[in-house]
């Protein structure tokens, strides 16, 4: 430190040094005339990575800015400091070239008829990082909400709409300026408003999150007066000691229409069951069949009725999501009519195709169960390269995997097997699809096949949510779904179908799983079984 200047008497100087070295901020005193630092604490040297004993040129904080100042900008800052104090948050560069954010307070003062500058600087890297992270999270959340495929409204304690996403505007037919700050009652049919006001008053007293309740009939109204059925879920939060409500509104018009169609189908099926029951009773009376034959026939009719009820319930639930996706994407396609919006059109076309494929898969599952029950599935044994078949299936299905999921396949032994290639392919595709569906993104799916003199073994292992011991007892039953899969789409028929296919080829299925530890399915086809005796090479 330059000791040629005397700020004050020795005692005051020692006190100043002790005080400045006891704070975490960097502090420096600069003599105005010479532009030299006549005092700086140890924190100053740490901030700029400099030796505090060296003579340092005037105003190093301004010279160390990452974005350099012009002479005019520098004189402006000095002028402000001399009139009072200058304050800024800016990015600096230390002597070793490392950038950092800091907050600077720069002011002028005089002592013993001499003029000086006092500079105090504090690093705020963490603060800036937090501000940037908060801004990024806010932008991400706003993007998600704005592009969500349901109406999302934010409502204050006065029941005024203070924000609404793009889908919500389209859903209700308003422009943003037409709906903001209006009461939520504008979206509720008049005949339901009295009931709504009662519910709102009760909800305000005891606010709590409420999920969408299937089967609860609720209605909304568009700007043009059109009413339509909706599902609504609510969530509350507190900001600045004020309570706000987020409402998620889902148009269920298509689902309601589908439910009516399904009800019509249900009534027709009921009539069919009654008719066939009558015919069966008449046939029993005419042919005087045995009590055992009668019991068997009635049991089959009962099973048909149960299958019908399960089908109606499952179809109503499973068809809703893809049908809603097709509707929303088809509507959005109408909005993208300029040439530069082709990528958006293609994205929604892919969503429509994906949803239609999902519906097709659901229907195929129901048809497969029907063909199995009717004994119309016949095994067609051929010799084929199982390694090529598995590789082909993995290539075909990899585009349908979740983000960054990977399939790793390993084979041991000879490649040729004697089975039904079509049934085996269906088994493999179903198990890979399940492994992907019940596993997180970026997870790994391991497939292993082995052929030896005694048997052919296929196994697939995932890193998914796993299956409890209790649920494993019912895996192969029709329509069964595990307790931990309620939020994941599926019919509960896939494992039932593949178990029947494996059984037709005299194969056995084994499941190894534990909750949150993944699942492994092992299918074994023994060469001692009857179908291998049909092949003269075995």
Protein backbone atom coordinates (compact mmCIF):
# COMPACT_ATOMS: atom_id res chain seq x y z
CA UNK A 1 0.00 0.00 0.00
CA UNK A 2 1.26 3.53 -0.82
CA UNK A 3 2.07 5.17 2.55
CA UNK A 4 3.00 8.65 1.21
CA UNK A 5 -0.52 9.96 1.96
CA UNK A 6 -1.85 10.70 5.44
CA UNK A 7 -5.63 10.54 5.62
CA UNK A 8 -5.85 11.57 9.26
CA UNK A 9 -3.97 11.00 12.46
CA UNK A 10 -2.44 7.57 13.14
CA UNK A 11 -5.15 6.43 15.53
CA UNK A 12 -7.98 7.20 13.13
CA UNK A 13 -6.09 5.53 10.30
CA UNK A 14 -5.58 2.35 12.35
CA UNK A 15 -9.25 2.38 13.23
CA UNK A 16 -10.20 2.82 9.54
CA UNK A 17 -7.95 -0.06 8.49
CA UNK A 18 -9.36 -2.38 11.16
CA UNK A 19 -12.92 -1.41 10.28
CA UNK A 20 -12.52 -1.89 6.51
CA UNK A 21 -10.68 -5.18 6.85
CA UNK A 22 -13.50 -6.46 9.03
CA UNK A 23 -16.17 -6.22 6.34
CA UNK A 24 -16.78 -8.65 3.47
CA UNK A 25 -17.21 -5.91 0.84
CA UNK A 26 -14.24 -4.53 -1.04
CA UNK A 27 -13.48 -0.91 -0.08
CA UNK A 28 -10.97 1.54 -1.56
CA UNK A 29 -10.11 5.25 -1.22
CA UNK A 30 -8.83 6.99 -4.38
CA UNK A 31 -7.01 10.34 -4.33
CA UNK A 32 -8.81 12.48 -6.92
CA UNK A 33 -5.84 14.56 -8.17
CA UNK A 34 -3.34 11.73 -8.74
CA UNK A 35 -5.92 9.03 -9.40
CA UNK A 36 -4.10 6.58 -7.12
CA UNK A 37 -5.58 4.20 -4.57
CA UNK A 38 -4.28 5.35 -1.22
CA UNK A 39 -6.14 2.69 0.76
CA UNK A 40 -7.96 -0.58 0.07
CA UNK A 41 -8.92 -3.46 2.32
CA UNK A 42 -8.04 -7.12 1.78
CA UNK A 43 -11.51 -7.88 0.35
CA UNK A 44 -10.77 -5.38 -2.47
CA UNK A 45 -7.75 -7.42 -3.57
CA UNK A 46 -9.78 -10.66 -3.40
CA UNK A 47 -12.56 -9.21 -5.55
CA UNK A 48 -10.25 -8.06 -8.37
CA UNK A 49 -7.51 -10.69 -7.84
CA UNK A 50 -4.84 -7.99 -7.39
CA UNK A 51 -1.96 -7.24 -5.01
CA UNK A 52 -3.15 -4.46 -2.70
CA UNK A 53 0.41 -3.24 -2.15
CA UNK A 54 0.78 -2.17 -5.81
CA UNK A 55 0.00 1.33 -7.05
CA UNK A 56 -3.29 1.08 -8.91
CA UNK A 57 -4.58 3.49 -11.52
CA UNK A 58 -7.61 5.65 -10.87
CA UNK A 59 -11.12 4.26 -10.94
CA UNK A 60 -10.23 0.53 -11.39
CA UNK A 61 -13.85 -0.49 -10.92
CA UNK A 62 -14.84 1.35 -14.09
CA UNK A 63 -11.78 0.11 -15.99
CA UNK A 64 -12.58 -3.48 -14.93
CA UNK A 65 -16.12 -3.50 -16.35
CA UNK A 66 -16.72 -6.28 -18.86
CA UNK A 67 -18.53 -3.76 -21.07
CA UNK A 68 -16.16 -0.78 -21.42
CA UNK A 69 -17.33 2.79 -20.82
CA UNK A 70 -16.88 5.74 -23.16
CA UNK A 71 -15.28 8.91 -21.78
CA UNK A 72 -18.70 10.55 -21.70
CA UNK A 73 -20.20 7.66 -19.72
CA UNK A 74 -17.25 7.73 -17.28
CA UNK A 75 -17.54 11.48 -16.69
CA UNK A 76 -21.27 11.08 -16.12
CA UNK A 77 -20.68 8.52 -13.36
CA UNK A 78 -18.01 10.71 -11.70
CA UNK A 79 -20.37 13.71 -11.84
CA UNK A 80 -23.18 11.72 -10.18
CA UNK A 81 -20.74 10.49 -7.49
CA UNK A 82 -19.57 14.04 -6.72
CA UNK A 83 -23.16 15.23 -6.39
CA UNK A 84 -24.07 12.41 -4.03
CA UNK A 85 -23.29 8.79 -4.88
CA UNK A 86 -23.33 6.54 -7.96
CA UNK A 87 -24.75 3.00 -7.70
CA UNK A 88 -24.80 0.20 -10.29
CA UNK A 89 -24.94 -3.58 -10.70
CA UNK A 90 -22.75 -4.70 -13.58
CA UNK A 91 -20.49 -7.51 -14.77
CA UNK A 92 -16.77 -7.01 -14.11
CA UNK A 93 -13.58 -8.88 -15.06
CA UNK A 94 -10.86 -9.65 -12.46
CA UNK A 95 -7.17 -9.34 -13.18
CA UNK A 96 -7.01 -13.03 -14.13
CA UNK A 97 -9.74 -12.51 -16.75
CA UNK A 98 -12.59 -14.19 -14.85
CA UNK A 99 -15.97 -12.39 -15.17
CA UNK A 100 -18.17 -11.79 -12.12
CA UNK A 101 -21.21 -9.73 -11.15
CA UNK A 102 -20.89 -7.05 -8.43
CA UNK A 103 -22.74 -4.13 -6.91
CA UNK A 104 -20.81 -0.82 -6.75
CA UNK A 105 -21.36 2.30 -4.63
CA UNK A 106 -19.07 5.19 -5.66
CA UNK A 107 -19.09 8.58 -3.95
CA UNK A 108 -16.83 11.64 -3.45
CA UNK A 109 -15.66 13.13 -0.14
CA UNK A 110 -13.06 15.62 1.13
CA UNK A 111 -10.60 15.55 3.99
CA UNK A 112 -8.05 18.22 5.03
CA UNK A 113 -8.84 20.20 1.85
CA UNK A 114 -8.15 17.19 -0.36
CA UNK A 115 -10.70 15.43 -2.62
CA UNK A 116 -11.13 11.66 -2.65
CA UNK A 117 -13.43 8.93 -4.00
CA UNK A 118 -14.77 6.10 -1.85
CA UNK A 119 -15.57 2.89 -3.76
CA UNK A 120 -17.40 -0.03 -2.08
CA UNK A 121 -17.99 -3.21 -4.13
CA UNK A 122 -19.80 -6.43 -3.24
CA UNK A 123 -19.97 -9.58 -5.36
CA UNK A 124 -23.54 -10.67 -6.22
CA UNK A 125 -22.94 -13.71 -8.48
CA UNK A 126 -25.41 -15.87 -6.52
CA UNK A 127 -28.06 -13.15 -6.60
CA UNK A 128 -27.74 -12.73 -10.37
CA UNK A 129 -27.80 -16.48 -10.94
CA UNK A 130 -30.97 -16.75 -8.84
CA UNK A 131 -32.59 -13.86 -10.74
CA UNK A 132 -31.72 -15.48 -14.06
CA UNK A 133 -32.96 -18.88 -12.90
CA UNK A 134 -36.22 -17.36 -11.63
CA UNK A 135 -36.70 -15.51 -14.94
CA UNK A 136 -36.06 -18.70 -16.92
CA UNK A 137 -38.48 -20.71 -14.74
CA UNK A 138 -41.11 -18.00 -15.13
CA UNK A 139 -40.68 -18.02 -18.91
CA UNK A 140 -40.84 -21.83 -19.00
CA UNK A 141 -44.01 -21.90 -16.88
CA UNK A 142 -45.67 -19.22 -19.00
CA UNK A 143 -44.80 -21.17 -22.17
CA UNK A 144 -46.27 -24.40 -20.75
CA UNK A 145 -49.48 -22.70 -19.63
CA UNK A 146 -49.90 -20.73 -22.86
CA UNK A 147 -49.63 -23.85 -25.02
CA UNK A 148 -51.56 -26.26 -22.78
CA UNK A 149 -54.46 -28.09 -24.49
CA UNK A 150 -57.03 -26.96 -21.95
CA UNK A 151 -58.33 -23.62 -20.70
CA UNK A 152 -56.33 -22.25 -17.76
CA UNK A 153 -57.67 -19.21 -15.87
CA UNK A 154 -56.24 -17.26 -12.93
CA UNK A 155 -58.88 -15.70 -10.65
CA UNK A 156 -58.41 -13.25 -7.77
CA UNK A 157 -60.37 -13.11 -4.51
CA UNK A 158 -62.97 -10.81 -6.11
CA UNK A 159 -63.69 -13.62 -8.62
CA UNK A 160 -62.18 -11.56 -11.45
CA UNK A 161 -60.30 -13.23 -14.29
CA UNK A 162 -56.79 -11.76 -14.23
CA UNK A 163 -55.18 -14.09 -16.78
CA UNK A 164 -56.23 -16.73 -19.32
CA UNK A 165 -54.18 -18.82 -21.73
CA UNK A 166 -54.54 -18.98 -25.50
CA UNK A 167 -56.52 -22.23 -25.49
CA UNK A 168 -58.95 -20.74 -22.96
CA UNK A 169 -59.59 -17.74 -25.23
CA UNK A 170 -60.30 -20.09 -28.13
CA UNK A 171 -62.46 -22.32 -25.95
CA UNK A 172 -64.73 -19.49 -24.82
CA UNK A 173 -64.51 -17.37 -28.01
CA UNK A 174 -63.20 -14.18 -26.41
CA UNK A 175 -60.33 -11.84 -27.15
CA UNK A 176 -57.99 -11.29 -24.22
CA UNK A 177 -59.02 -7.65 -23.65
CA UNK A 178 -62.70 -8.72 -23.62
CA UNK A 179 -62.35 -11.17 -20.75
CA UNK A 180 -59.60 -9.83 -18.48
CA UNK A 181 -60.90 -8.29 -15.20
CA UNK A 182 -64.43 -9.59 -15.81
CA UNK A 183 -66.19 -11.75 -13.24
CA UNK A 184 -65.93 -15.51 -13.69
CA UNK A 185 -69.74 -15.62 -13.82
CA UNK A 186 -69.55 -14.47 -17.46
CA UNK A 187 -68.43 -18.02 -18.34
CA UNK A 188 -71.23 -19.75 -16.39
CA UNK A 189 -74.75 -20.26 -17.79
CA UNK A 190 -77.32 -18.11 -16.01
CA UNK A 191 -79.35 -21.12 -14.86
CA UNK A 192 -76.34 -22.38 -12.86
CA UNK A 193 -75.11 -19.07 -11.42
CA UNK A 194 -77.08 -19.20 -8.15
CA UNK A 195 -75.69 -22.65 -7.39
CA UNK A 196 -72.21 -21.48 -8.41
CA UNK A 197 -72.31 -18.41 -6.13
CA UNK A 198 -73.17 -20.68 -3.19
CA UNK A 199 -70.29 -23.02 -4.02
CA UNK A 200 -67.88 -20.10 -4.51
CA UNK A 201 -68.75 -18.63 -1.12
CA UNK A 202 -68.19 -22.01 0.51
CA UNK A 203 -64.93 -22.52 -1.38
CA UNK A 204 -63.62 -19.08 -0.35
CA UNK A 205 -64.07 -20.00 3.31
CA UNK A 206 -62.41 -23.42 2.92
CA UNK A 207 -60.14 -23.26 -0.16
CA UNK A 208 -58.49 -26.48 -1.24
CA UNK A 209 -57.23 -28.09 -4.45
CA UNK A 210 -59.93 -30.05 -6.27
CA UNK A 211 -59.24 -32.48 -9.10
CA UNK A 212 -61.52 -33.08 -12.07
CA UNK A 213 -64.34 -35.42 -11.03
CA UNK A 214 -65.52 -37.69 -13.89
CA UNK A 215 -69.30 -37.95 -14.03
CA UNK A 216 -69.96 -34.56 -12.38
CA UNK A 217 -72.02 -32.62 -14.93
CA UNK A 218 -70.82 -29.02 -15.23
CA UNK A 219 -71.46 -26.53 -18.01
CA UNK A 220 -69.82 -23.37 -19.36
CA UNK A 221 -70.98 -20.80 -21.87
CA UNK A 222 -69.15 -19.24 -24.82
CA UNK A 223 -69.27 -15.60 -25.86
CA UNK A 224 -71.88 -16.46 -28.53
CA UNK A 225 -74.15 -18.06 -25.91
CA UNK A 226 -73.34 -21.68 -26.76
CA UNK A 227 -73.33 -23.98 -23.71
CA UNK A 228 -71.00 -26.96 -23.52
CA UNK A 229 -70.10 -29.59 -20.86
CA UNK A 230 -66.81 -29.17 -19.00
CA UNK A 231 -64.64 -30.73 -16.32
CA UNK A 232 -63.02 -28.26 -13.93
CA UNK A 233 -60.21 -28.68 -11.42
CA UNK A 234 -59.12 -25.96 -8.98
CA UNK A 235 -55.89 -25.08 -7.26
CA UNK A 236 -55.19 -22.22 -4.84
CA UNK A 237 -52.08 -20.25 -3.92
CA UNK A 238 -51.18 -17.20 -1.84
CA UNK A 239 -49.28 -14.19 -3.26
CA UNK A 240 -48.66 -10.99 -1.31
CA UNK A 241 -51.07 -12.30 1.35
CA UNK A 242 -53.83 -12.48 -1.28
CA UNK A 243 -55.56 -15.71 -2.27
CA UNK A 244 -55.74 -16.69 -5.95
CA UNK A 245 -57.38 -19.62 -7.72
CA UNK A 246 -56.18 -21.43 -10.85
CA UNK A 247 -59.00 -23.11 -12.78
CA UNK A 248 -58.26 -25.83 -15.36
CA UNK A 249 -61.18 -26.21 -17.78
CA UNK A 250 -61.50 -29.19 -20.14
CA UNK A 251 -64.16 -29.32 -22.88
CA UNK A 252 -65.74 -32.80 -22.73
CA UNK A 253 -68.29 -32.36 -25.51
CA UNK A 254 -66.77 -35.17 -27.60
CA UNK A 255 -66.59 -37.49 -24.61
CA UNK A 256 -70.22 -36.84 -23.72
CA UNK A 257 -71.23 -37.58 -27.31
CA UNK A 258 -69.16 -40.78 -27.18
CA UNK A 259 -70.83 -41.75 -23.89
CA UNK A 260 -74.24 -41.40 -25.52
CA UNK A 261 -73.12 -43.61 -28.40
CA UNK A 262 -71.73 -46.13 -25.95
CA UNK A 263 -74.98 -46.05 -23.96
CA UNK A 264 -76.85 -46.77 -27.17
CA UNK A 265 -74.48 -49.65 -27.84
CA UNK A 266 -74.98 -50.83 -24.27
CA UNK A 267 -78.76 -50.84 -24.70
CA UNK A 268 -78.42 -52.80 -27.93
CA UNK A 269 -76.11 -55.26 -26.23
CA UNK A 270 -78.59 -55.59 -23.37
CA UNK A 271 -81.32 -56.41 -25.84
CA UNK A 272 -79.04 -58.91 -27.54
CA UNK A 273 -78.22 -60.57 -24.21
CA UNK A 274 -81.89 -60.75 -23.31
CA UNK A 275 -82.76 -62.17 -26.72
CA UNK A 276 -80.01 -64.77 -26.59
CA UNK A 277 -80.94 -65.68 -23.00
CA UNK A 278 -84.51 -66.25 -24.14
CA UNK A 279 -83.36 -68.36 -27.06
CA UNK A 280 -81.14 -70.36 -24.75
CA UNK A 281 -84.01 -70.95 -22.32
CA UNK A 282 -86.24 -72.06 -25.18
CA UNK A 283 -83.53 -74.38 -26.49
CA UNK A 284 -83.13 -75.91 -23.02
CA UNK A 285 -86.87 -76.55 -22.82
CA UNK A 286 -86.94 -78.05 -26.31
CA UNK A 287 -83.90 -80.27 -26.07
CA UNK A 288 -84.11 -81.08 -22.35
CA UNK A 289 -80.36 -80.70 -21.97
CA UNK A 290 -78.67 -81.72 -18.80
CA UNK A 291 -78.32 -79.51 -15.75
CA UNK A 292 -74.57 -79.36 -16.26
CA UNK A 293 -74.93 -78.14 -19.88
CA UNK A 294 -77.44 -75.53 -18.73
CA UNK A 295 -75.06 -74.27 -16.02
CA UNK A 296 -72.22 -74.00 -18.50
CA UNK A 297 -74.35 -72.04 -20.97
CA UNK A 298 -75.59 -69.64 -18.29
CA UNK A 299 -72.04 -69.11 -17.04
CA UNK A 300 -70.95 -68.17 -20.54
CA UNK A 301 -73.81 -65.68 -20.80
CA UNK A 302 -72.83 -64.18 -17.47
CA UNK A 303 -69.23 -63.88 -18.61
CA UNK A 304 -70.41 -62.20 -21.82
CA UNK A 305 -72.40 -59.68 -19.78
CA UNK A 306 -69.40 -58.93 -17.57
CA UNK A 307 -67.16 -58.57 -20.63
CA UNK A 308 -69.68 -56.20 -22.15
CA UNK A 309 -69.80 -54.03 -19.01
CA UNK A 310 -66.01 -53.95 -18.75
CA UNK A 311 -65.74 -53.07 -22.43
CA UNK A 312 -68.18 -50.15 -22.13
CA UNK A 313 -66.42 -48.79 -19.04
CA UNK A 314 -62.93 -49.20 -20.49
CA UNK A 315 -63.80 -47.82 -23.91
CA UNK A 316 -65.47 -44.76 -22.38
CA UNK A 317 -62.30 -43.99 -20.41
CA UNK A 318 -59.65 -44.93 -22.97
CA UNK A 319 -61.27 -43.26 -25.98
CA UNK A 320 -61.56 -39.88 -24.22
CA UNK A 321 -57.91 -38.76 -24.33
CA UNK A 322 -57.12 -39.60 -27.99
CA UNK A 323 -60.47 -38.22 -29.16
CA UNK A 324 -59.80 -34.95 -27.28
CA UNK A 325 -56.33 -34.80 -28.83
CA UNK A 326 -57.74 -35.31 -32.34
CA UNK A 327 -60.32 -32.56 -31.75
CA UNK A 328 -57.87 -29.97 -30.41
CA UNK A 329 -55.26 -30.71 -33.10
CA UNK A 330 -57.88 -30.60 -35.88
CA UNK A 331 -59.07 -27.23 -34.60
CA UNK A 332 -55.52 -25.86 -34.45
CA UNK A 333 -54.84 -27.05 -38.00
CA UNK A 334 -57.54 -24.63 -39.15
CA UNK A 335 -55.66 -21.77 -37.50
CA UNK A 336 -52.32 -22.47 -39.22
CA UNK A 337 -53.07 -21.40 -42.79
CA UNK A 338 -49.86 -19.59 -43.78
CA UNK A 339 -46.90 -21.20 -45.50
CA UNK A 340 -44.44 -20.61 -42.65
CA UNK A 341 -46.69 -22.53 -40.23
CA UNK A 342 -46.22 -25.87 -42.02
CA UNK A 343 -44.13 -27.31 -39.13
CA UNK A 344 -46.99 -26.58 -36.73
CA UNK A 345 -49.48 -28.28 -39.05
CA UNK A 346 -47.20 -31.30 -39.35
CA UNK A 347 -46.85 -31.52 -35.55
CA UNK A 348 -50.60 -31.58 -35.05
CA UNK A 349 -51.07 -34.04 -37.90
CA UNK A 350 -48.63 -36.33 -36.10
CA UNK A 351 -50.67 -35.95 -32.92
CA UNK A 352 -53.84 -36.89 -34.80
CA UNK A 353 -52.13 -39.91 -36.39
CA UNK A 354 -50.74 -40.97 -33.01
CA UNK A 355 -54.17 -40.70 -31.38
CA UNK A 356 -55.85 -42.64 -34.20
CA UNK A 357 -53.16 -45.34 -33.90
CA UNK A 358 -53.88 -45.45 -30.17
CA UNK A 359 -57.59 -45.99 -30.85
CA UNK A 360 -56.71 -48.66 -33.43
CA UNK A 361 -54.50 -50.46 -30.88
CA UNK A 362 -57.31 -50.41 -28.32
CA UNK A 363 -59.80 -51.84 -30.82
CA UNK A 364 -57.27 -54.47 -31.96
CA UNK A 365 -56.86 -55.56 -28.34
CA UNK A 366 -60.61 -56.01 -27.96
CA UNK A 367 -60.79 -57.89 -31.28
CA UNK A 368 -57.85 -60.10 -30.30
CA UNK A 369 -59.56 -61.02 -27.02
CA UNK A 370 -62.72 -61.88 -28.94
CA UNK A 371 -60.83 -64.08 -31.44
CA UNK A 372 -59.01 -65.84 -28.61
CA UNK A 373 -62.26 -66.49 -26.73
CA UNK A 374 -63.85 -67.83 -29.91
CA UNK A 375 -60.87 -70.09 -30.66
CA UNK A 376 -60.10 -68.37 -33.97
CA UNK A 377 -56.36 -67.94 -33.31
CA UNK A 378 -54.42 -70.73 -35.00
CA UNK A 379 -50.68 -71.21 -34.62
CA UNK A 380 -48.70 -71.30 -37.87
CA UNK A 381 -45.28 -72.73 -37.12
CA UNK A 382 -42.37 -71.73 -39.32
CA UNK A 383 -38.61 -71.67 -39.01
CA UNK A 384 -37.21 -68.14 -38.82
CA UNK A 385 -34.26 -66.11 -37.54
CA UNK A 386 -35.37 -64.85 -34.13
CA UNK A 387 -32.46 -62.40 -33.88
CA UNK A 388 -33.54 -60.66 -37.09
CA UNK A 389 -37.16 -60.57 -35.91
CA UNK A 390 -36.31 -58.93 -32.56
CA UNK A 391 -33.97 -56.43 -34.25
CA UNK A 392 -36.67 -55.52 -36.77
CA UNK A 393 -39.24 -54.99 -34.02
CA UNK A 394 -36.92 -52.74 -31.99
CA UNK A 395 -36.20 -50.62 -35.06
CA UNK A 396 -39.91 -50.38 -35.83
CA UNK A 397 -40.93 -49.31 -32.32
CA UNK A 398 -38.02 -47.08 -31.26
CA UNK A 399 -39.67 -43.93 -32.65
CA UNK A 400 -42.56 -44.48 -30.22
CA UNK A 401 -40.33 -44.61 -27.13
CA UNK A 402 -40.25 -41.83 -24.56
CA UNK A 403 -37.59 -39.14 -24.72
CA UNK A 404 -34.04 -40.64 -24.70
CA UNK A 405 -35.22 -44.15 -23.83
CA UNK A 406 -32.93 -46.79 -25.34
CA UNK A 407 -33.25 -50.49 -26.19
CA UNK A 408 -30.29 -52.80 -25.71
CA UNK A 409 -30.59 -56.26 -27.30
CA UNK A 410 -28.31 -59.26 -26.76
CA UNK A 411 -28.64 -62.76 -28.24
CA UNK A 412 -26.94 -66.06 -27.34
CA UNK A 413 -26.78 -69.31 -29.27
CA UNK A 414 -28.28 -70.29 -32.60
CA UNK A 415 -30.63 -67.84 -34.29
CA UNK A 416 -33.24 -70.15 -35.86
CA UNK A 417 -36.40 -71.12 -33.92
CA UNK A 418 -39.59 -72.98 -34.87
CA UNK A 419 -42.56 -70.90 -33.69
CA UNK A 420 -45.32 -68.64 -35.01
CA UNK A 421 -43.42 -65.50 -36.07
CA UNK A 422 -46.54 -63.32 -36.13
CA UNK A 423 -47.61 -64.24 -32.59
CA UNK A 424 -44.06 -63.85 -31.28
CA UNK A 425 -43.78 -60.41 -32.90
CA UNK A 426 -47.02 -59.34 -31.22
CA UNK A 427 -45.69 -60.55 -27.86
CA UNK A 428 -42.39 -58.68 -28.28
CA UNK A 429 -44.00 -55.41 -29.42
CA UNK A 430 -46.48 -55.48 -26.55
CA UNK A 431 -43.79 -56.07 -23.91
CA UNK A 432 -41.50 -53.34 -25.34
CA UNK A 433 -44.43 -50.92 -25.46
CA UNK A 434 -45.27 -51.71 -21.81
CA UNK A 435 -41.63 -51.35 -20.76
CA UNK A 436 -41.51 -47.89 -22.35
CA UNK A 437 -44.89 -46.77 -21.05
CA UNK A 438 -44.23 -47.70 -17.40
CA UNK A 439 -40.61 -46.41 -17.35
CA UNK A 440 -39.30 -42.84 -17.05
CA UNK A 441 -37.58 -40.88 -19.79
CA UNK A 442 -33.88 -41.60 -20.44
CA UNK A 443 -34.32 -45.13 -19.06
CA UNK A 444 -32.90 -48.35 -20.49
CA UNK A 445 -34.81 -51.38 -21.81
CA UNK A 446 -32.78 -54.61 -21.92
CA UNK A 447 -33.80 -57.51 -24.18
CA UNK A 448 -32.08 -60.88 -24.08
CA UNK A 449 -32.76 -64.00 -26.17
CA UNK A 450 -31.14 -67.40 -25.83
CA UNK A 451 -31.46 -70.53 -27.97
CA UNK A 452 -29.95 -73.85 -26.92
CA UNK A 453 -30.67 -77.53 -27.40
CA UNK A 454 -33.46 -77.55 -24.82
CA UNK A 455 -35.31 -74.29 -25.11
CA UNK A 456 -35.73 -70.78 -26.51
CA UNK A 457 -35.90 -68.00 -23.87
CA UNK A 458 -36.97 -64.38 -24.41
CA UNK A 459 -36.60 -61.85 -21.56
CA UNK A 460 -37.17 -58.10 -21.32
CA UNK A 461 -36.24 -55.93 -18.33
CA UNK A 462 -37.10 -52.25 -17.71
CA UNK A 463 -36.35 -49.59 -15.10
CA UNK A 464 -39.97 -48.63 -14.50
CA UNK A 465 -42.45 -48.32 -11.64
CA UNK A 466 -42.54 -52.06 -10.94
CA UNK A 467 -45.41 -54.34 -9.91
CA UNK A 468 -46.40 -55.25 -6.35
CA UNK A 469 -46.48 -58.91 -5.27
CA UNK A 470 -50.27 -58.72 -4.86
CA UNK A 471 -50.80 -57.32 -8.39
CA UNK A 472 -48.50 -59.96 -9.93
CA UNK A 473 -51.09 -62.62 -9.01
CA UNK A 474 -53.61 -61.04 -11.40
CA UNK A 475 -51.38 -59.76 -14.22
CA UNK A 476 -52.71 -62.10 -16.91
CA UNK A 477 -56.39 -61.49 -16.17
CA UNK A 478 -58.54 -59.55 -18.62
CA UNK A 479 -58.82 -55.82 -17.92
CA UNK A 480 -56.60 -56.02 -14.85
CA UNK A 481 -54.46 -52.95 -14.17
CA UNK A 482 -52.00 -52.50 -11.31
CA UNK A 483 -52.79 -50.19 -8.40
CA UNK A 484 -49.92 -47.88 -9.37
CA UNK A 485 -50.96 -47.47 -13.05
CA UNK A 486 -54.18 -45.49 -12.67
CA UNK A 487 -52.65 -42.38 -14.29
CA UNK A 488 -51.14 -44.30 -17.22
CA UNK A 489 -53.31 -45.10 -20.25
CA UNK A 490 -54.04 -48.74 -21.01
CA UNK A 491 -56.81 -51.31 -21.42
CA UNK A 492 -55.51 -54.05 -19.15
CA UNK A 493 -55.69 -56.53 -22.05
CA UNK A 494 -52.09 -56.60 -23.33
CA UNK A 495 -50.62 -59.13 -20.88
CA UNK A 496 -53.78 -61.24 -21.09
CA UNK A 497 -53.38 -61.46 -24.87
CA UNK A 498 -49.67 -62.28 -24.87
CA UNK A 499 -50.19 -64.89 -22.15
CA UNK A 500 -52.76 -66.58 -24.41
CA UNK A 501 -50.42 -66.36 -27.43
CA UNK A 502 -47.57 -67.87 -25.41
CA UNK A 503 -49.91 -70.60 -24.16
CA UNK A 504 -50.94 -71.44 -27.75
CA UNK A 505 -47.25 -72.04 -28.52
CA UNK A 506 -46.85 -74.07 -25.28
CA UNK A 507 -44.77 -71.32 -23.70
CA UNK A 508 -44.62 -70.19 -20.08
CA UNK A 509 -44.37 -66.62 -18.70
CA UNK A 510 -42.54 -65.59 -15.56
CA UNK A 511 -42.59 -62.12 -13.96
CA UNK A 512 -39.93 -60.72 -11.65
CA UNK A 513 -40.67 -57.29 -10.22
CA UNK A 514 -40.72 -55.01 -7.19
CA UNK A 515 -42.18 -51.53 -6.76
CA UNK A 516 -39.88 -48.78 -8.10
CA UNK A 517 -37.23 -51.38 -9.04
CA UNK A 518 -38.31 -52.26 -12.57
CA UNK A 519 -39.86 -55.39 -14.08
CA UNK A 520 -38.58 -58.39 -16.01
CA UNK A 521 -40.74 -60.77 -18.07
CA UNK A 522 -39.27 -64.13 -19.10
CA UNK A 523 -41.00 -66.31 -21.72
CA UNK A 524 -39.71 -69.84 -22.20
CA UNK A 525 -40.52 -72.21 -25.10
CA UNK A 526 -39.30 -75.75 -24.49
CA UNK A 527 -38.14 -77.88 -27.44
CA UNK A 528 -39.70 -80.89 -25.73
CA UNK A 529 -43.15 -79.44 -26.38
CA UNK A 530 -45.40 -80.86 -29.09
CA UNK A 531 -44.85 -78.10 -31.67
CA UNK A 532 -41.15 -78.84 -31.92
CA UNK A 533 -41.93 -82.48 -32.80
CA UNK A 534 -43.70 -81.16 -35.91
CA UNK A 535 -40.39 -79.82 -37.19
CA UNK A 536 -38.34 -82.70 -38.67
CA UNK A 537 -35.10 -80.82 -37.93
CA UNK A 538 -35.72 -81.06 -34.22
